Amino acid sequence: MLTPSWAPEDETKPAPMPLRLLQSFVNTWEGDSGVDLLADAEAGPPRWLQEAGLLRGSEVDLVRVRAIREGIRALLVANSGDSDLEPPDVGFLRGLAEGVRLQPVVLDDDTVDLRPAETEGLSSLAATLLLIIRDAQRDGTWGRLKACRNPDCHWAFYDRSHAGHGAWCDMAVCGNRIKNRNLRTRRSAGSDAKN
């Protein structure tokens, strides 16, 4: 499979398209390195948004774009079974969704689809991502897109395991970190009980 230019090179568990666009959008922030491809850029809008086709036009509110990203990440944390969503986690997404306008279109194969009514700006970006989520929920792939259960990571990954119970973006890295952390906690609790 050809990797799109906008997809992170180290995305080891890629989702099928178009869900991969959403996955890569969430992975524009990397917990281990702190790299944020959507950080404020004095030179203009982040190149990642342009390459991924999510930015049409030249104006973008990066604070709100990052809020969309973190709202989607909260949904992926919930998909991982790691937490219960509280309203503030996705409140911004809900509010944004209320203002999104969609337009039905008849495609070349005579099927009807929905597209963002606005062609540029934050509303277009949000509508595109929300439609990807809606389609993935309908086709059953949404539950397999998860956030790593390592709270220091939360990298988005596509769970291809047979049972669909994958928990880590990378077992050798995040899985081992959490297992070692839990082991140290148990040992510490055991030694405290003896004293």
C-alpha atoms as a PDB file:
ATOM      1  CA  MET A   1       0.000   0.000   0.000  1.00  0.00           C
ATOM      2  CA  LEU A   2       1.367   3.397  -0.983  1.00  0.00           C
ATOM      3  CA  THR A   3       1.787   5.706   1.998  1.00  0.00           C
ATOM      4  CA  PRO A   4       0.277   9.159   1.416  1.00  0.00           C
ATOM      5  CA  SER A   5       2.732  12.046   1.751  1.00  0.00           C
ATOM      6  CA  TRP A   6       0.789  13.417   4.720  1.00  0.00           C
ATOM      7  CA  ALA A   7       0.831  10.159   6.725  1.00  0.00           C
ATOM      8  CA  PRO A   8       3.425   9.889   9.519  1.00  0.00           C
ATOM      9  CA  GLU A   9       6.288   7.588   8.538  1.00  0.00           C
ATOM     10  CA  ASP A  10       6.140   5.779  11.881  1.00  0.00           C
ATOM     11  CA  GLU A  11       2.416   4.978  11.725  1.00  0.00           C
ATOM     12  CA  THR A  12       2.845   1.238  12.279  1.00  0.00           C
ATOM     13  CA  LYS A  13      -0.832   0.260  12.395  1.00  0.00           C
ATOM     14  CA  PRO A  14      -2.496   2.281   9.618  1.00  0.00           C
ATOM     15  CA  ALA A  15      -6.237   2.379   9.152  1.00  0.00           C
ATOM     16  CA  PRO A  16      -7.889   1.839   5.765  1.00  0.00           C
ATOM     17  CA  MET A  17      -8.700   4.949   3.760  1.00  0.00           C
ATOM     18  CA  PRO A  18     -10.429   7.338   4.359  1.00  0.00           C
ATOM     19  CA  LEU A  19     -10.170   6.559   8.102  1.00  0.00           C
ATOM     20  CA  ARG A  20      -6.395   6.863   7.750  1.00  0.00           C
ATOM     21  CA  LEU A  21      -6.793  10.578   7.119  1.00  0.00           C
ATOM     22  CA  LEU A  22      -8.517  10.931  10.488  1.00  0.00           C
ATOM     23  CA  GLN A  23      -5.869   8.739  12.156  1.00  0.00           C
ATOM     24  CA  SER A  24      -3.040  10.816  10.701  1.00  0.00           C
ATOM     25  CA  PHE A  25      -4.814  14.031  11.704  1.00  0.00           C
ATOM     26  CA  VAL A  26      -4.874  12.846  15.337  1.00  0.00           C
ATOM     27  CA  ASN A  27      -1.235  11.757  15.024  1.00  0.00           C
ATOM     28  CA  THR A  28      -0.080  15.248  14.076  1.00  0.00           C
ATOM     29  CA  TRP A  29       0.828  15.455  17.774  1.00  0.00           C
ATOM     30  CA  GLU A  30       3.308  12.919  19.132  1.00  0.00           C
ATOM     31  CA  GLY A  31       3.444  12.477  22.894  1.00  0.00           C
ATOM     32  CA  ASP A  32       6.947  11.000  23.064  1.00  0.00           C
ATOM     33  CA  SER A  33       8.677  13.805  21.206  1.00  0.00           C
ATOM     34  CA  GLY A  34       6.179  16.612  21.770  1.00  0.00           C
ATOM     35  CA  VAL A  35       6.240  17.345  18.028  1.00  0.00           C
ATOM     36  CA  ASP A  36       3.043  19.080  16.906  1.00  0.00           C
ATOM     37  CA  LEU A  37       2.563  19.518  13.173  1.00  0.00           C
ATOM     38  CA  LEU A  38      -0.325  21.871  13.919  1.00  0.00           C
ATOM     39  CA  ALA A  39       1.649  24.203  16.156  1.00  0.00           C
ATOM     40  CA  ASP A  40       1.428  27.901  15.500  1.00  0.00           C
ATOM     41  CA  ALA A  41       3.393  28.655  12.378  1.00  0.00           C
ATOM     42  CA  GLU A  42       4.461  32.193  11.597  1.00  0.00           C
ATOM     43  CA  ALA A  43       4.981  31.232   7.965  1.00  0.00           C
ATOM     44  CA  GLY A  44       1.282  30.520   7.461  1.00  0.00           C
ATOM     45  CA  PRO A  45      -1.004  27.519   7.793  1.00  0.00           C
ATOM     46  CA  PRO A  46       0.641  24.187   8.620  1.00  0.00           C
ATOM     47  CA  ARG A  47       1.813  22.371   5.520  1.00  0.00           C
ATOM     48  CA  TRP A  48       0.328  19.110   6.855  1.00  0.00           C
ATOM     49  CA  LEU A  49      -3.239  20.455   6.571  1.00  0.00           C
ATOM     50  CA  GLN A  50      -2.602  21.566   3.007  1.00  0.00           C
ATOM     51  CA  GLU A  51      -0.983  18.279   1.935  1.00  0.00           C
ATOM     52  CA  ALA A  52      -3.820  16.253   3.477  1.00  0.00           C
ATOM     53  CA  GLY A  53      -6.406  18.335   1.605  1.00  0.00           C
ATOM     54  CA  LEU A  54      -8.059  19.503   4.819  1.00  0.00           C
ATOM     55  CA  LEU A  55      -7.232  23.161   4.375  1.00  0.00           C
ATOM     56  CA  ARG A  56      -8.909  24.914   1.528  1.00  0.00           C
ATOM     57  CA  GLY A  57      -8.150  28.592   1.614  1.00  0.00           C
ATOM     58  CA  SER A  58      -5.489  30.396   3.588  1.00  0.00           C
ATOM     59  CA  GLU A  59      -7.173  31.201   6.884  1.00  0.00           C
ATOM     60  CA  VAL A  60      -7.209  28.750   9.776  1.00  0.00           C
ATOM     61  CA  ASP A  61      -7.618  29.069  13.530  1.00  0.00           C
ATOM     62  CA  LEU A  62      -5.011  26.599  14.750  1.00  0.00           C
ATOM     63  CA  VAL A  63      -6.282  26.695  18.322  1.00  0.00           C
ATOM     64  CA  ARG A  64      -9.664  25.440  17.123  1.00  0.00           C
ATOM     65  CA  VAL A  65      -8.085  22.916  14.730  1.00  0.00           C
ATOM     66  CA  ARG A  66      -6.112  21.459  17.651  1.00  0.00           C
ATOM     67  CA  ALA A  67      -9.321  21.391  19.722  1.00  0.00           C
ATOM     68  CA  ILE A  68     -10.950  19.315  16.968  1.00  0.00           C
ATOM     69  CA  ARG A  69      -7.955  16.985  17.010  1.00  0.00           C
ATOM     70  CA  GLU A  70      -8.102  16.528  20.779  1.00  0.00           C
ATOM     71  CA  GLY A  71     -11.880  16.002  20.697  1.00  0.00           C
ATOM     72  CA  ILE A  72     -11.388  13.212  18.158  1.00  0.00           C
ATOM     73  CA  ARG A  73      -8.543  11.808  20.272  1.00  0.00           C
ATOM     74  CA  ALA A  74     -10.985  11.673  23.226  1.00  0.00           C
ATOM     75  CA  LEU A  75     -13.341   9.603  21.068  1.00  0.00           C
ATOM     76  CA  LEU A  76     -10.460   7.245  20.243  1.00  0.00           C
ATOM     77  CA  VAL A  77      -9.537   6.925  23.930  1.00  0.00           C
ATOM     78  CA  ALA A  78     -13.145   5.868  24.508  1.00  0.00           C
ATOM     79  CA  ASN A  79     -12.834   3.364  21.625  1.00  0.00           C
ATOM     80  CA  SER A  80      -9.849   1.846  23.436  1.00  0.00           C
ATOM     81  CA  GLY A  81     -12.052   1.196  26.473  1.00  0.00           C
ATOM     82  CA  ASP A  82      -9.693   3.241  28.591  1.00  0.00           C
ATOM     83  CA  SER A  83     -12.086   5.905  29.840  1.00  0.00           C
ATOM     84  CA  ASP A  84     -15.613   7.128  29.912  1.00  0.00           C
ATOM     85  CA  LEU A  85     -16.189  10.290  27.964  1.00  0.00           C
ATOM     86  CA  GLU A  86     -17.263  13.315  29.897  1.00  0.00           C
ATOM     87  CA  PRO A  87     -19.104  16.124  28.082  1.00  0.00           C
ATOM     88  CA  PRO A  88     -16.090  18.509  28.077  1.00  0.00           C
ATOM     89  CA  ASP A  89     -14.037  15.919  26.189  1.00  0.00           C
ATOM     90  CA  VAL A  90     -16.197  16.177  23.090  1.00  0.00           C
ATOM     91  CA  GLY A  91     -18.175  19.330  23.860  1.00  0.00           C
ATOM     92  CA  PHE A  92     -16.234  21.397  21.355  1.00  0.00           C
ATOM     93  CA  LEU A  93     -16.905  18.809  18.631  1.00  0.00           C
ATOM     94  CA  ARG A  94     -20.606  18.766  19.450  1.00  0.00           C
ATOM     95  CA  GLY A  95     -20.809  22.539  19.280  1.00  0.00           C
ATOM     96  CA  LEU A  96     -18.879  22.632  16.037  1.00  0.00           C
ATOM     97  CA  ALA A  97     -21.046  19.910  14.505  1.00  0.00           C
ATOM     98  CA  GLU A  98     -24.149  21.994  15.161  1.00  0.00           C
ATOM     99  CA  GLY A  99     -22.792  24.719  12.897  1.00  0.00           C
ATOM    100  CA  VAL A 100     -21.631  22.444  10.068  1.00  0.00           C
ATOM    101  CA  ARG A 101     -23.715  22.547   6.917  1.00  0.00           C
ATOM    102  CA  LEU A 102     -23.792  19.588   4.579  1.00  0.00           C
ATOM    103  CA  GLN A 103     -24.868  19.430   0.977  1.00  0.00           C
ATOM    104  CA  PRO A 104     -26.239  16.340  -0.749  1.00  0.00           C
ATOM    105  CA  VAL A 105     -24.604  15.553  -4.090  1.00  0.00           C
ATOM    106  CA  VAL A 106     -25.415  12.996  -6.778  1.00  0.00           C
ATOM    107  CA  LEU A 107     -22.246  11.164  -7.788  1.00  0.00           C
ATOM    108  CA  ASP A 108     -21.301   9.816 -11.218  1.00  0.00           C
ATOM    109  CA  ASP A 109     -22.517   6.344 -10.224  1.00  0.00           C
ATOM    110  CA  ASP A 110     -25.950   7.867  -9.361  1.00  0.00           C
ATOM    111  CA  THR A 111     -25.507   7.415  -5.595  1.00  0.00           C
ATOM    112  CA  VAL A 112     -26.200  10.267  -3.222  1.00  0.00           C
ATOM    113  CA  ASP A 113     -23.489  11.434  -0.842  1.00  0.00           C
ATOM    114  CA  LEU A 114     -22.977  14.302   1.593  1.00  0.00           C
ATOM    115  CA  ARG A 115     -20.229  16.899   1.276  1.00  0.00           C
ATOM    116  CA  PRO A 116     -19.367  20.004   3.276  1.00  0.00           C
ATOM    117  CA  ALA A 117     -21.504  22.881   2.022  1.00  0.00           C
ATOM    118  CA  GLU A 118     -18.678  25.317   2.660  1.00  0.00           C
ATOM    119  CA  THR A 119     -15.584  24.841   0.549  1.00  0.00           C
ATOM    120  CA  GLU A 120     -13.020  26.327   2.922  1.00  0.00           C
ATOM    121  CA  GLY A 121     -12.314  27.137   6.536  1.00  0.00           C
ATOM    122  CA  LEU A 122     -12.847  25.379   9.828  1.00  0.00           C
ATOM    123  CA  SER A 123     -16.388  24.296   8.996  1.00  0.00           C
ATOM    124  CA  SER A 124     -15.202  22.455   5.885  1.00  0.00           C
ATOM    125  CA  LEU A 125     -12.381  20.762   7.813  1.00  0.00           C
ATOM    126  CA  ALA A 126     -14.738  19.705  10.629  1.00  0.00           C
ATOM    127  CA  ALA A 127     -17.420  18.470   8.225  1.00  0.00           C
ATOM    128  CA  THR A 128     -14.889  16.363   6.325  1.00  0.00           C
ATOM    129  CA  LEU A 129     -13.613  14.692   9.508  1.00  0.00           C
ATOM    130  CA  LEU A 130     -17.072  14.205  11.023  1.00  0.00           C
ATOM    131  CA  LEU A 131     -18.302  12.571   7.815  1.00  0.00           C
ATOM    132  CA  ILE A 132     -15.353  10.165   7.922  1.00  0.00           C
ATOM    133  CA  ILE A 133     -16.324   9.237  11.488  1.00  0.00           C
ATOM    134  CA  ARG A 134     -19.969   8.799  10.511  1.00  0.00           C
ATOM    135  CA  ASP A 135     -19.077   6.543   7.576  1.00  0.00           C
ATOM    136  CA  ALA A 136     -16.677   4.465   9.704  1.00  0.00           C
ATOM    137  CA  GLN A 137     -19.360   4.028  12.369  1.00  0.00           C
ATOM    138  CA  ARG A 138     -21.734   2.766   9.693  1.00  0.00           C
ATOM    139  CA  ASP A 139     -19.297   0.348   8.058  1.00  0.00           C
ATOM    140  CA  GLY A 140     -18.003  -1.048  11.365  1.00  0.00           C
ATOM    141  CA  THR A 141     -14.402   0.170  11.156  1.00  0.00           C
ATOM    142  CA  TRP A 142     -14.772   2.981  13.699  1.00  0.00           C
ATOM    143  CA  GLY A 143     -14.432   0.773  16.787  1.00  0.00           C
ATOM    144  CA  ARG A 144     -11.049  -0.455  15.556  1.00  0.00           C
ATOM    145  CA  LEU A 145      -9.516   3.032  15.436  1.00  0.00           C
ATOM    146  CA  LYS A 146      -8.216   3.577  18.954  1.00  0.00           C
ATOM    147  CA  ALA A 147      -5.848   5.666  21.013  1.00  0.00           C
ATOM    148  CA  CYS A 148      -2.948   3.905  22.707  1.00  0.00           C
ATOM    149  CA  ARG A 149      -3.756   3.184  26.356  1.00  0.00           C
ATOM    150  CA  ASN A 150      -0.453   4.684  27.450  1.00  0.00           C
ATOM    151  CA  PRO A 151      -1.663   8.057  28.816  1.00  0.00           C
ATOM    152  CA  ASP A 152       1.653   9.647  27.828  1.00  0.00           C
ATOM    153  CA  CYS A 153       1.157   8.553  24.224  1.00  0.00           C
ATOM    154  CA  HIS A 154      -2.467   8.277  23.004  1.00  0.00           C
ATOM    155  CA  TRP A 155      -1.145   7.716  19.450  1.00  0.00           C
ATOM    156  CA  ALA A 156      -3.988   6.676  17.126  1.00  0.00           C
ATOM    157  CA  PHE A 157      -3.710   3.141  15.754  1.00  0.00           C
ATOM    158  CA  TYR A 158      -5.918   0.748  13.831  1.00  0.00           C
ATOM    159  CA  ASP A 159      -6.566  -2.459  15.753  1.00  0.00           C
ATOM    160  CA  ARG A 160      -6.335  -5.357  13.311  1.00  0.00           C
ATOM    161  CA  SER A 161      -6.271  -8.018  16.048  1.00  0.00           C
ATOM    162  CA  HIS A 162      -8.754 -10.844  15.591  1.00  0.00           C
ATOM    163  CA  ALA A 163     -10.687 -10.087  18.777  1.00  0.00           C
ATOM    164  CA  GLY A 164     -10.384  -6.312  18.421  1.00  0.00           C
ATOM    165  CA  HIS A 165      -8.886  -5.922  21.907  1.00  0.00           C
ATOM    166  CA  GLY A 166      -5.580  -4.250  20.985  1.00  0.00           C
ATOM    167  CA  ALA A 167      -4.465  -1.699  23.546  1.00  0.00           C
ATOM    168  CA  TRP A 168      -1.093  -0.315  22.463  1.00  0.00           C
ATOM    169  CA  CYS A 169       0.203   1.497  19.432  1.00  0.00           C
ATOM    170  CA  ASP A 170       3.359  -0.571  19.891  1.00  0.00           C
ATOM    171  CA  MET A 171       3.547  -3.417  22.407  1.00  0.00           C
ATOM    172  CA  ALA A 172       7.356  -3.286  22.517  1.00  0.00           C
ATOM    173  CA  VAL A 173       7.332   0.367  23.537  1.00  0.00           C
ATOM    174  CA  CYS A 174       4.096   1.512  25.166  1.00  0.00           C
ATOM    175  CA  GLY A 175       2.886  -1.919  26.262  1.00  0.00           C
ATOM    176  CA  ASN A 176       6.173  -2.666  28.024  1.00  0.00           C
ATOM    177  CA  ARG A 177       6.271   0.795  29.634  1.00  0.00           C
ATOM    178  CA  ILE A 178       2.826   0.366  31.156  1.00  0.00           C
ATOM    179  CA  LYS A 179       3.440  -3.247  32.207  1.00  0.00           C
ATOM    180  CA  ASN A 180       6.713  -2.222  33.906  1.00  0.00           C
ATOM    181  CA  ARG A 181       5.010   0.753  35.559  1.00  0.00           C
ATOM    182  CA  ASN A 182       2.253  -1.526  36.881  1.00  0.00           C
ATOM    183  CA  LEU A 183       4.830  -4.060  38.124  1.00  0.00           C
ATOM    184  CA  ARG A 184       6.750  -1.359  40.007  1.00  0.00           C
ATOM    185  CA  THR A 185       3.486  -0.139  41.549  1.00  0.00           C
ATOM    186  CA  ARG A 186       2.556  -3.660  42.705  1.00  0.00           C
ATOM    187  CA  ARG A 187       6.043  -4.253  44.126  1.00  0.00           C
ATOM    188  CA  SER A 188       5.987  -0.924  45.903  1.00  0.00           C
ATOM    189  CA  ALA A 189       2.552  -1.665  47.358  1.00  0.00           C
ATOM    190  CA  GLY A 190       3.808  -5.121  48.468  1.00  0.00           C
ATOM    191  CA  SER A 191       6.866  -3.691  50.196  1.00  0.00           C
ATOM    192  CA  ASP A 192       4.754  -1.013  51.902  1.00  0.00           C
ATOM    193  CA  ALA A 193       2.438  -3.715  53.261  1.00  0.00           C
ATOM    194  CA  LYS A 194       5.416  -5.600  54.768  1.00  0.00           C
ATOM    195  CA  ASN A 195       6.683  -2.505  56.583  1.00  0.00           C
END
